[in-house]
Amino acid sequence: EWEGEGEAAEVAALLRAPAAPLDLDPIFLFDRLGLANALRVLAALLTETKVALFASALTPLTLCAEALRALLGPHLPWCHVYAPLLPRALEAQVAQCPTPYLIGVAAPMAASGGGGGGPEALLPADALGVNLDDGTLSAPEGFVGLNELFRDLYLELASLLRPPPPQPDALGWEGPAAAAAAAARRG
């Protein structure tokens, strides 16, 4: 038996396996970051880039970190440093960790960002900072982000997250806006 034959069969089986339902609804992540930025963060994790999430509230840190782990799926579990809510005493040490990580940092007024004194100041040059309060990213130099490989995924997810407008039913009802306009005309 050829040495790589068993591995190739395992990979093929993984690709044919049906997608497992997510344990957590990722819509909160998409609402916070927008679809393009959420996919950029996912791409960063897939390429083992260090990722630090910042928020002024604790709940978004955990929900977004867990959503990112869920989106990686059971076939690509995050096996690096993972701390969705990093204790303040460990922030500086973990942020300088040489291995990939996904961490959450509670940062008062993270939305103010910038200025060099914000929460992103503790990150090394090769880490992606994700501000969950205002949905912005501070990317490391040379970060590729989204490219043609993610174009089809982006378009498919965009169509799922943005449902088509309601269609008239058999009685001609076109939704609440049309009903309000008709009532105003009668009125």
N, C-alpha and C. Protein backbone atom coordinates (compact mmCIF):
# COMPACT_ATOMS: atom_id res chain seq x y z
N GLU A 1 0.85 -1.19 0.00
CA GLU A 1 0.00 0.00 0.00
C GLU A 1 0.89 1.24 0.00
N TRP A 2 0.54 2.17 -0.86
CA TRP A 2 1.26 3.45 -0.93
C TRP A 2 1.08 4.19 0.38
N GLU A 3 2.16 4.87 0.84
CA GLU A 3 2.16 5.50 2.17
C GLU A 3 1.07 6.54 2.35
N GLY A 4 0.80 7.36 1.34
CA GLY A 4 -0.18 8.43 1.46
C GLY A 4 -1.60 8.02 1.13
N GLU A 5 -1.78 6.75 0.74
CA GLU A 5 -3.10 6.30 0.30
C GLU A 5 -4.15 6.38 1.41
N GLY A 6 -3.80 5.98 2.62
CA GLY A 6 -4.74 6.04 3.74
C GLY A 6 -5.11 7.47 4.09
N GLU A 7 -4.12 8.37 4.06
CA GLU A 7 -4.38 9.78 4.36
C GLU A 7 -5.30 10.39 3.31
N ALA A 8 -5.07 10.07 2.04
CA ALA A 8 -5.91 10.60 0.97
C ALA A 8 -7.35 10.14 1.14
N ALA A 9 -7.54 8.89 1.55
CA ALA A 9 -8.89 8.37 1.76
C ALA A 9 -9.56 9.09 2.93
N GLU A 10 -8.79 9.37 3.99
CA GLU A 10 -9.35 10.10 5.13
C GLU A 10 -9.78 11.50 4.74
N VAL A 11 -8.94 12.19 3.96
CA VAL A 11 -9.27 13.54 3.51
C VAL A 11 -10.52 13.51 2.64
N ALA A 12 -10.59 12.55 1.73
CA ALA A 12 -11.76 12.44 0.85
C ALA A 12 -13.02 12.18 1.67
N ALA A 13 -12.92 11.34 2.70
CA ALA A 13 -14.08 11.06 3.56
C ALA A 13 -14.52 12.31 4.31
N LEU A 14 -13.57 13.11 4.77
CA LEU A 14 -13.91 14.35 5.46
C LEU A 14 -14.62 15.32 4.53
N LEU A 15 -14.16 15.39 3.29
CA LEU A 15 -14.77 16.32 2.34
C LEU A 15 -16.18 15.89 1.96
N ARG A 16 -16.46 14.59 1.99
CA ARG A 16 -17.80 14.09 1.65
C ARG A 16 -18.75 14.12 2.84
N ALA A 17 -18.22 14.25 4.04
CA ALA A 17 -19.06 14.21 5.25
C ALA A 17 -20.01 15.39 5.26
N PRO A 18 -21.26 15.16 5.66
CA PRO A 18 -22.20 16.28 5.75
C PRO A 18 -21.77 17.25 6.85
N ALA A 19 -22.08 18.50 6.64
CA ALA A 19 -21.73 19.52 7.63
C ALA A 19 -22.57 19.31 8.89
N ALA A 20 -21.91 19.35 10.02
CA ALA A 20 -22.61 19.22 11.29
C ALA A 20 -23.25 20.56 11.64
N PRO A 21 -24.41 20.53 12.28
CA PRO A 21 -25.02 21.81 12.69
C PRO A 21 -24.13 22.48 13.74
N LEU A 22 -24.12 23.80 13.71
CA LEU A 22 -23.31 24.55 14.65
C LEU A 22 -23.95 24.53 16.03
N ASP A 23 -23.12 24.47 17.05
CA ASP A 23 -23.61 24.52 18.43
C ASP A 23 -24.07 25.93 18.80
N LEU A 24 -23.62 26.92 18.03
CA LEU A 24 -23.86 28.31 18.37
C LEU A 24 -24.21 29.06 17.09
N ASP A 25 -25.19 29.92 17.13
CA ASP A 25 -25.59 30.70 15.97
C ASP A 25 -24.56 31.81 15.73
N PRO A 26 -23.90 31.83 14.57
CA PRO A 26 -22.86 32.84 14.32
C PRO A 26 -23.41 34.20 13.91
N ILE A 27 -24.71 34.39 13.91
CA ILE A 27 -25.28 35.65 13.44
C ILE A 27 -24.80 36.82 14.29
N PHE A 28 -24.55 36.61 15.57
CA PHE A 28 -24.05 37.68 16.44
C PHE A 28 -22.69 38.17 15.94
N LEU A 29 -21.84 37.24 15.52
CA LEU A 29 -20.53 37.59 14.97
C LEU A 29 -20.69 38.42 13.70
N PHE A 30 -21.58 37.99 12.80
CA PHE A 30 -21.80 38.73 11.55
C PHE A 30 -22.40 40.10 11.82
N ASP A 31 -23.27 40.21 12.82
CA ASP A 31 -23.84 41.52 13.18
C ASP A 31 -22.77 42.46 13.70
N ARG A 32 -21.85 41.94 14.49
CA ARG A 32 -20.80 42.78 15.09
C ARG A 32 -19.76 43.23 14.07
N LEU A 33 -19.36 42.32 13.18
CA LEU A 33 -18.24 42.61 12.29
C LEU A 33 -18.63 42.86 10.84
N GLY A 34 -19.82 42.45 10.45
CA GLY A 34 -20.15 42.45 9.04
C GLY A 34 -19.59 41.17 8.42
N LEU A 35 -20.14 40.77 7.32
CA LEU A 35 -19.76 39.51 6.70
C LEU A 35 -18.30 39.51 6.25
N ALA A 36 -17.86 40.57 5.57
CA ALA A 36 -16.50 40.60 5.03
C ALA A 36 -15.46 40.53 6.16
N ASN A 37 -15.64 41.31 7.21
CA ASN A 37 -14.66 41.28 8.30
C ASN A 37 -14.71 39.95 9.06
N ALA A 38 -15.90 39.37 9.22
CA ALA A 38 -15.99 38.07 9.89
C ALA A 38 -15.23 37.02 9.09
N LEU A 39 -15.35 37.06 7.76
CA LEU A 39 -14.60 36.11 6.92
C LEU A 39 -13.11 36.39 6.97
N ARG A 40 -12.72 37.66 7.09
CA ARG A 40 -11.29 37.98 7.23
C ARG A 40 -10.72 37.38 8.52
N VAL A 41 -11.48 37.48 9.59
CA VAL A 41 -11.02 36.90 10.86
C VAL A 41 -10.94 35.38 10.74
N LEU A 42 -11.93 34.77 10.10
CA LEU A 42 -11.91 33.32 9.90
C LEU A 42 -10.70 32.92 9.05
N ALA A 43 -10.41 33.70 8.01
CA ALA A 43 -9.23 33.42 7.17
C ALA A 43 -7.95 33.54 8.00
N ALA A 44 -7.91 34.50 8.91
CA ALA A 44 -6.73 34.65 9.77
C ALA A 44 -6.55 33.41 10.64
N LEU A 45 -7.64 32.90 11.19
CA LEU A 45 -7.53 31.70 12.03
C LEU A 45 -7.11 30.49 11.20
N LEU A 46 -7.64 30.38 9.99
CA LEU A 46 -7.27 29.26 9.13
C LEU A 46 -5.80 29.29 8.73
N THR A 47 -5.22 30.49 8.70
CA THR A 47 -3.79 30.62 8.36
C THR A 47 -2.94 30.76 9.62
N GLU A 48 -3.51 30.44 10.77
CA GLU A 48 -2.82 30.44 12.06
C GLU A 48 -2.20 31.79 12.40
N THR A 49 -2.95 32.84 12.12
CA THR A 49 -2.56 34.19 12.52
C THR A 49 -3.05 34.42 13.95
N LYS A 50 -2.29 35.14 14.73
CA LYS A 50 -2.71 35.50 16.09
C LYS A 50 -3.90 36.45 15.99
N VAL A 51 -4.96 36.18 16.74
CA VAL A 51 -6.17 37.01 16.69
C VAL A 51 -6.55 37.40 18.12
N ALA A 52 -6.73 38.71 18.32
CA ALA A 52 -7.18 39.22 19.62
C ALA A 52 -8.48 39.99 19.41
N LEU A 53 -9.52 39.57 20.12
CA LEU A 53 -10.81 40.24 20.09
C LEU A 53 -10.85 41.25 21.23
N PHE A 54 -11.34 42.46 20.95
CA PHE A 54 -11.47 43.51 21.97
C PHE A 54 -12.92 43.95 22.04
N ALA A 55 -13.43 44.17 23.24
CA ALA A 55 -14.78 44.70 23.43
C ALA A 55 -14.87 45.34 24.80
N SER A 56 -15.75 46.32 24.91
CA SER A 56 -15.95 46.98 26.20
C SER A 56 -16.89 46.18 27.10
N ALA A 57 -17.59 45.20 26.55
CA ALA A 57 -18.48 44.33 27.33
C ALA A 57 -17.97 42.89 27.23
N LEU A 58 -18.28 42.08 28.21
CA LEU A 58 -17.75 40.72 28.26
C LEU A 58 -18.48 39.74 27.35
N THR A 59 -19.79 39.87 27.24
CA THR A 59 -20.57 38.91 26.47
C THR A 59 -20.14 38.80 25.01
N PRO A 60 -19.91 39.91 24.29
CA PRO A 60 -19.49 39.78 22.89
C PRO A 60 -18.18 39.01 22.71
N LEU A 61 -17.28 39.12 23.67
CA LEU A 61 -16.01 38.41 23.56
C LEU A 61 -16.23 36.90 23.49
N THR A 62 -17.01 36.39 24.43
CA THR A 62 -17.25 34.95 24.48
C THR A 62 -18.10 34.49 23.30
N LEU A 63 -19.17 35.21 22.99
CA LEU A 63 -20.04 34.79 21.89
C LEU A 63 -19.30 34.77 20.56
N CYS A 64 -18.50 35.80 20.30
CA CYS A 64 -17.78 35.87 19.02
C CYS A 64 -16.66 34.84 18.95
N ALA A 65 -15.94 34.64 20.05
CA ALA A 65 -14.87 33.64 20.07
C ALA A 65 -15.45 32.24 19.85
N GLU A 66 -16.54 31.93 20.51
CA GLU A 66 -17.17 30.63 20.34
C GLU A 66 -17.75 30.46 18.93
N ALA A 67 -18.30 31.53 18.36
CA ALA A 67 -18.82 31.46 16.99
C ALA A 67 -17.68 31.17 16.01
N LEU A 68 -16.54 31.81 16.21
CA LEU A 68 -15.39 31.56 15.33
C LEU A 68 -14.93 30.11 15.45
N ARG A 69 -14.88 29.60 16.66
CA ARG A 69 -14.48 28.19 16.84
C ARG A 69 -15.51 27.26 16.19
N ALA A 70 -16.78 27.58 16.32
CA ALA A 70 -17.82 26.75 15.71
C ALA A 70 -17.72 26.77 14.19
N LEU A 71 -17.40 27.94 13.62
CA LEU A 71 -17.29 28.04 12.17
C LEU A 71 -16.08 27.27 11.63
N LEU A 72 -15.05 27.12 12.43
CA LEU A 72 -13.93 26.29 12.01
C LEU A 72 -14.37 24.85 11.87
N GLY A 73 -15.36 24.47 12.64
CA GLY A 73 -15.97 23.16 12.49
C GLY A 73 -15.24 22.05 13.21
N PRO A 74 -15.86 20.89 13.22
CA PRO A 74 -15.27 19.75 13.92
C PRO A 74 -14.04 19.20 13.21
N HIS A 75 -13.90 19.47 11.92
CA HIS A 75 -12.76 18.93 11.17
C HIS A 75 -11.50 19.75 11.34
N LEU A 76 -11.63 21.01 11.74
CA LEU A 76 -10.47 21.89 11.92
C LEU A 76 -10.54 22.54 13.30
N PRO A 77 -10.47 21.75 14.35
CA PRO A 77 -10.59 22.34 15.68
C PRO A 77 -9.40 23.26 15.98
N TRP A 78 -9.66 24.34 16.70
CA TRP A 78 -8.60 25.28 17.08
C TRP A 78 -7.78 24.60 18.17
N CYS A 79 -6.52 24.30 17.88
CA CYS A 79 -5.68 23.56 18.84
C CYS A 79 -4.56 24.44 19.40
N HIS A 80 -4.71 25.75 19.29
CA HIS A 80 -3.71 26.67 19.80
C HIS A 80 -4.26 27.36 21.05
N VAL A 81 -3.59 28.39 21.51
CA VAL A 81 -4.04 29.11 22.70
C VAL A 81 -5.43 29.69 22.45
N TYR A 82 -6.35 29.40 23.37
CA TYR A 82 -7.72 29.90 23.26
C TYR A 82 -8.17 30.38 24.63
N ALA A 83 -8.42 31.67 24.72
CA ALA A 83 -8.90 32.27 25.97
C ALA A 83 -9.91 33.35 25.60
N PRO A 84 -11.20 33.00 25.52
CA PRO A 84 -12.20 33.97 25.07
C PRO A 84 -12.33 35.18 25.99
N LEU A 85 -11.95 35.02 27.23
CA LEU A 85 -11.95 36.14 28.17
C LEU A 85 -10.67 36.05 29.00
N LEU A 86 -9.66 36.72 28.52
CA LEU A 86 -8.34 36.65 29.14
C LEU A 86 -8.28 37.50 30.40
N PRO A 87 -7.81 36.95 31.52
CA PRO A 87 -7.67 37.76 32.73
C PRO A 87 -6.70 38.92 32.49
N ARG A 88 -7.01 40.07 33.02
CA ARG A 88 -6.21 41.27 32.80
C ARG A 88 -4.74 41.05 33.16
N ALA A 89 -4.46 40.28 34.21
CA ALA A 89 -3.08 40.06 34.64
C ALA A 89 -2.25 39.30 33.60
N LEU A 90 -2.92 38.58 32.68
CA LEU A 90 -2.20 37.79 31.69
C LEU A 90 -2.17 38.42 30.30
N GLU A 91 -2.84 39.54 30.11
CA GLU A 91 -2.97 40.13 28.78
C GLU A 91 -1.62 40.34 28.09
N ALA A 92 -0.70 41.01 28.74
CA ALA A 92 0.58 41.34 28.11
C ALA A 92 1.39 40.09 27.78
N GLN A 93 1.41 39.11 28.69
CA GLN A 93 2.19 37.91 28.46
C GLN A 93 1.62 37.07 27.32
N VAL A 94 0.32 36.85 27.33
CA VAL A 94 -0.29 36.01 26.30
C VAL A 94 -0.25 36.69 24.94
N ALA A 95 -0.45 38.00 24.90
CA ALA A 95 -0.42 38.72 23.62
C ALA A 95 0.93 38.59 22.93
N GLN A 96 1.99 38.42 23.69
CA GLN A 96 3.33 38.28 23.12
C GLN A 96 3.72 36.82 22.88
N CYS A 97 2.79 35.91 23.07
CA CYS A 97 3.02 34.48 22.88
C CYS A 97 3.48 34.21 21.44
N PRO A 98 4.49 33.36 21.24
CA PRO A 98 4.98 33.11 19.87
C PRO A 98 4.08 32.21 19.03
N THR A 99 3.12 31.52 19.66
CA THR A 99 2.25 30.62 18.91
C THR A 99 0.95 31.32 18.53
N PRO A 100 0.21 30.77 17.57
CA PRO A 100 -1.10 31.36 17.22
C PRO A 100 -2.03 31.34 18.42
N TYR A 101 -2.92 32.32 18.47
CA TYR A 101 -3.90 32.36 19.55
C TYR A 101 -5.17 33.04 19.10
N LEU A 102 -6.22 32.75 19.85
CA LEU A 102 -7.51 33.44 19.75
C LEU A 102 -7.85 33.84 21.17
N ILE A 103 -7.74 35.14 21.44
CA ILE A 103 -7.98 35.63 22.80
C ILE A 103 -9.01 36.74 22.79
N GLY A 104 -9.67 36.92 23.91
CA GLY A 104 -10.61 38.01 24.11
C GLY A 104 -10.11 38.91 25.22
N VAL A 105 -10.09 40.21 24.96
CA VAL A 105 -9.58 41.17 25.93
C VAL A 105 -10.67 42.19 26.22
N ALA A 106 -11.07 42.27 27.49
CA ALA A 106 -12.04 43.28 27.90
C ALA A 106 -11.32 44.61 27.93
N ALA A 107 -11.74 45.53 27.07
CA ALA A 107 -11.06 46.81 26.93
C ALA A 107 -12.08 47.92 27.08
N PRO A 108 -12.08 48.63 28.20
CA PRO A 108 -13.04 49.73 28.35
C PRO A 108 -12.92 50.71 27.20
N MET A 109 -14.06 51.07 26.66
CA MET A 109 -14.14 52.01 25.55
C MET A 109 -13.28 51.57 24.36
N ALA A 110 -13.37 50.30 24.00
CA ALA A 110 -12.61 49.78 22.86
C ALA A 110 -12.97 50.50 21.58
N ALA A 111 -14.21 51.01 21.51
CA ALA A 111 -14.65 51.68 20.29
C ALA A 111 -13.85 52.94 20.02
N SER A 112 -13.25 53.54 21.04
CA SER A 112 -12.45 54.75 20.79
C SER A 112 -11.19 54.40 20.04
N GLY A 113 -10.63 53.20 20.27
CA GLY A 113 -9.49 52.67 19.52
C GLY A 113 -8.41 53.67 19.22
N GLY A 114 -7.54 53.31 18.26
CA GLY A 114 -6.51 54.19 17.73
C GLY A 114 -5.65 54.85 18.78
N GLY A 115 -4.91 55.85 18.37
CA GLY A 115 -4.12 56.66 19.27
C GLY A 115 -2.94 55.97 19.90
N GLY A 116 -2.65 54.72 19.56
CA GLY A 116 -1.51 54.03 20.11
C GLY A 116 -1.69 53.61 21.56
N GLY A 117 -2.60 54.24 22.30
CA GLY A 117 -2.80 53.89 23.69
C GLY A 117 -3.98 52.97 23.89
N GLY A 118 -4.65 52.61 22.81
CA GLY A 118 -5.82 51.76 22.90
C GLY A 118 -5.43 50.32 23.19
N PRO A 119 -6.41 49.43 23.24
CA PRO A 119 -6.12 48.04 23.58
C PRO A 119 -5.20 47.36 22.56
N GLU A 120 -5.23 47.82 21.30
CA GLU A 120 -4.40 47.20 20.27
C GLU A 120 -2.92 47.43 20.52
N ALA A 121 -2.57 48.37 21.40
CA ALA A 121 -1.16 48.68 21.66
C ALA A 121 -0.40 47.49 22.24
N LEU A 122 -1.11 46.56 22.90
CA LEU A 122 -0.42 45.42 23.49
C LEU A 122 -0.12 44.31 22.49
N LEU A 123 -0.62 44.42 21.26
CA LEU A 123 -0.44 43.36 20.27
C LEU A 123 0.91 43.43 19.59
N PRO A 124 1.48 42.26 19.27
CA PRO A 124 2.69 42.25 18.45
C PRO A 124 2.34 42.60 17.00
N ALA A 125 3.33 42.87 16.19
CA ALA A 125 3.11 43.31 14.81
C ALA A 125 2.46 42.24 13.94
N ASP A 126 2.53 40.97 14.34
CA ASP A 126 1.98 39.89 13.51
C ASP A 126 0.60 39.42 13.97
N ALA A 127 -0.09 40.21 14.77
CA ALA A 127 -1.41 39.82 15.29
C ALA A 127 -2.51 40.67 14.65
N LEU A 128 -3.67 40.05 14.50
CA LEU A 128 -4.85 40.74 13.99
C LEU A 128 -5.69 41.20 15.18
N GLY A 129 -5.93 42.50 15.29
CA GLY A 129 -6.79 43.04 16.33
C GLY A 129 -8.20 43.21 15.80
N VAL A 130 -9.19 42.74 16.55
CA VAL A 130 -10.59 42.78 16.13
C VAL A 130 -11.37 43.56 17.18
N ASN A 131 -11.85 44.74 16.81
CA ASN A 131 -12.63 45.57 17.72
C ASN A 131 -14.10 45.23 17.53
N LEU A 132 -14.68 44.55 18.50
CA LEU A 132 -16.08 44.12 18.40
C LEU A 132 -17.06 45.24 18.68
N ASP A 133 -16.59 46.34 19.25
CA ASP A 133 -17.49 47.47 19.52
C ASP A 133 -17.81 48.25 18.26
N ASP A 134 -16.83 48.43 17.39
CA ASP A 134 -17.09 49.19 16.16
C ASP A 134 -16.90 48.37 14.89
N GLY A 135 -16.58 47.08 15.01
CA GLY A 135 -16.49 46.20 13.86
C GLY A 135 -15.28 46.41 12.98
N THR A 136 -14.20 46.99 13.52
CA THR A 136 -13.01 47.24 12.71
C THR A 136 -11.91 46.24 13.02
N LEU A 137 -10.98 46.13 12.07
CA LEU A 137 -9.83 45.25 12.21
C LEU A 137 -8.56 46.08 12.13
N SER A 138 -7.55 45.71 12.89
CA SER A 138 -6.22 46.28 12.71
C SER A 138 -5.33 45.10 12.31
N ALA A 139 -5.04 45.04 11.01
CA ALA A 139 -4.37 43.88 10.43
C ALA A 139 -2.86 44.03 10.45
N PRO A 140 -2.16 42.90 10.62
CA PRO A 140 -0.71 42.94 10.54
C PRO A 140 -0.26 43.21 9.11
N GLU A 141 0.93 43.73 8.96
CA GLU A 141 1.46 44.01 7.63
C GLU A 141 1.57 42.71 6.85
N GLY A 142 1.15 42.74 5.60
CA GLY A 142 1.19 41.56 4.76
C GLY A 142 0.00 40.63 4.91
N PHE A 143 -0.98 41.01 5.73
CA PHE A 143 -2.16 40.17 5.92
C PHE A 143 -2.96 40.14 4.63
N VAL A 144 -3.22 38.96 4.11
CA VAL A 144 -3.92 38.81 2.84
C VAL A 144 -5.42 39.01 3.00
N GLY A 145 -6.00 38.47 4.04
CA GLY A 145 -7.44 38.63 4.25
C GLY A 145 -8.24 37.85 3.23
N LEU A 146 -9.22 38.50 2.63
CA LEU A 146 -10.08 37.83 1.65
C LEU A 146 -9.43 37.90 0.28
N ASN A 147 -9.54 36.83 -0.45
CA ASN A 147 -9.07 36.81 -1.82
C ASN A 147 -10.09 36.05 -2.66
N GLU A 148 -9.71 35.68 -3.85
CA GLU A 148 -10.64 35.00 -4.75
C GLU A 148 -11.19 33.70 -4.17
N LEU A 149 -10.41 33.04 -3.31
CA LEU A 149 -10.88 31.79 -2.73
C LEU A 149 -12.14 31.98 -1.89
N PHE A 150 -12.28 33.16 -1.29
CA PHE A 150 -13.42 33.42 -0.42
C PHE A 150 -14.56 34.13 -1.14
N ARG A 151 -14.38 34.48 -2.40
CA ARG A 151 -15.40 35.23 -3.13
C ARG A 151 -16.73 34.48 -3.18
N ASP A 152 -16.68 33.21 -3.59
CA ASP A 152 -17.92 32.42 -3.69
C ASP A 152 -18.57 32.21 -2.33
N LEU A 153 -17.74 31.96 -1.31
CA LEU A 153 -18.27 31.80 0.04
C LEU A 153 -18.94 33.09 0.50
N TYR A 154 -18.30 34.23 0.24
CA TYR A 154 -18.86 35.52 0.63
C TYR A 154 -20.22 35.73 -0.05
N LEU A 155 -20.30 35.48 -1.34
CA LEU A 155 -21.55 35.69 -2.08
C LEU A 155 -22.66 34.77 -1.58
N GLU A 156 -22.31 33.52 -1.30
CA GLU A 156 -23.31 32.57 -0.81
C GLU A 156 -23.82 32.97 0.58
N LEU A 157 -22.90 33.32 1.47
CA LEU A 157 -23.31 33.74 2.81
C LEU A 157 -24.10 35.05 2.77
N ALA A 158 -23.70 35.97 1.90
CA ALA A 158 -24.42 37.24 1.79
C ALA A 158 -25.86 37.00 1.37
N SER A 159 -26.08 36.05 0.46
CA SER A 159 -27.45 35.77 0.03
C SER A 159 -28.26 35.12 1.16
N LEU A 160 -27.60 34.34 2.01
CA LEU A 160 -28.31 33.71 3.13
C LEU A 160 -28.62 34.71 4.24
N LEU A 161 -27.72 35.67 4.46
CA LEU A 161 -27.92 36.64 5.52
C LEU A 161 -28.83 37.78 5.11
N ARG A 162 -29.01 37.98 3.82
CA ARG A 162 -29.87 39.04 3.31
C ARG A 162 -30.99 38.38 2.52
N PRO A 163 -32.07 37.97 3.19
CA PRO A 163 -33.14 37.26 2.48
C PRO A 163 -33.80 38.16 1.44
N PRO A 164 -34.37 37.54 0.40
CA PRO A 164 -35.05 38.34 -0.63
C PRO A 164 -36.26 39.06 -0.05
N PRO A 165 -36.66 40.16 -0.68
CA PRO A 165 -37.83 40.89 -0.19
C PRO A 165 -39.08 40.02 -0.28
N PRO A 166 -40.08 40.28 0.57
CA PRO A 166 -41.30 39.46 0.54
C PRO A 166 -42.02 39.60 -0.80
N GLN A 167 -42.59 38.50 -1.25
CA GLN A 167 -43.34 38.47 -2.50
C GLN A 167 -44.82 38.61 -2.20
N PRO A 168 -45.58 39.20 -3.13
CA PRO A 168 -47.03 39.30 -2.89
C PRO A 168 -47.64 37.91 -2.75
N ASP A 169 -48.62 37.79 -1.87
CA ASP A 169 -49.29 36.51 -1.75
C ASP A 169 -50.46 36.45 -2.73
N ALA A 170 -51.27 35.43 -2.63
CA ALA A 170 -52.36 35.23 -3.58
C ALA A 170 -53.37 36.38 -3.55
N LEU A 171 -53.46 37.10 -2.44
CA LEU A 171 -54.41 38.20 -2.34
C LEU A 171 -53.78 39.54 -2.71
N GLY A 172 -52.52 39.52 -3.09
CA GLY A 172 -51.86 40.75 -3.50
C GLY A 172 -51.20 41.52 -2.38
N TRP A 173 -51.16 40.96 -1.17
CA TRP A 173 -50.52 41.64 -0.04
C TRP A 173 -49.02 41.66 -0.25
N GLU A 174 -48.40 42.83 -0.14
CA GLU A 174 -46.97 42.96 -0.41
C GLU A 174 -46.16 43.30 0.83
N GLY A 175 -46.70 43.12 2.00
CA GLY A 175 -45.93 43.36 3.21
C GLY A 175 -46.41 44.58 3.97
N PRO A 176 -45.79 44.85 5.13
CA PRO A 176 -46.23 45.92 6.01
C PRO A 176 -46.14 47.31 5.38
N ALA A 177 -45.10 47.57 4.59
CA ALA A 177 -44.95 48.90 3.99
C ALA A 177 -46.09 49.18 3.01
N ALA A 178 -46.43 48.18 2.20
CA ALA A 178 -47.51 48.35 1.24
C ALA A 178 -48.85 48.51 1.95
N ALA A 179 -49.04 47.77 3.04
CA ALA A 179 -50.29 47.88 3.80
C ALA A 179 -50.42 49.27 4.42
N ALA A 180 -49.32 49.80 4.93
CA ALA A 180 -49.35 51.15 5.52
C ALA A 180 -49.63 52.20 4.46
N ALA A 181 -49.04 52.05 3.27
CA ALA A 181 -49.27 53.00 2.18
C ALA A 181 -50.73 52.95 1.73
N ALA A 182 -51.30 51.74 1.64
CA ALA A 182 -52.70 51.60 1.23
C ALA A 182 -53.62 52.23 2.27
N ALA A 183 -53.32 52.05 3.55
CA ALA A 183 -54.14 52.64 4.61
C ALA A 183 -54.07 54.16 4.56
N ALA A 184 -52.90 54.70 4.25
CA ALA A 184 -52.74 56.15 4.16
C ALA A 184 -53.54 56.71 2.99
N ARG A 185 -53.59 55.98 1.87
CA ARG A 185 -54.36 56.44 0.70
C ARG A 185 -55.85 56.44 1.00
N ARG A 186 -56.31 55.45 1.80
CA ARG A 186 -57.73 55.37 2.14
C ARG A 186 -58.12 56.43 3.15
N GLY A 187 -57.12 56.83 3.92
CA GLY A 187 -57.40 57.56 5.02
C GLY A 187 -57.65 58.83 5.40
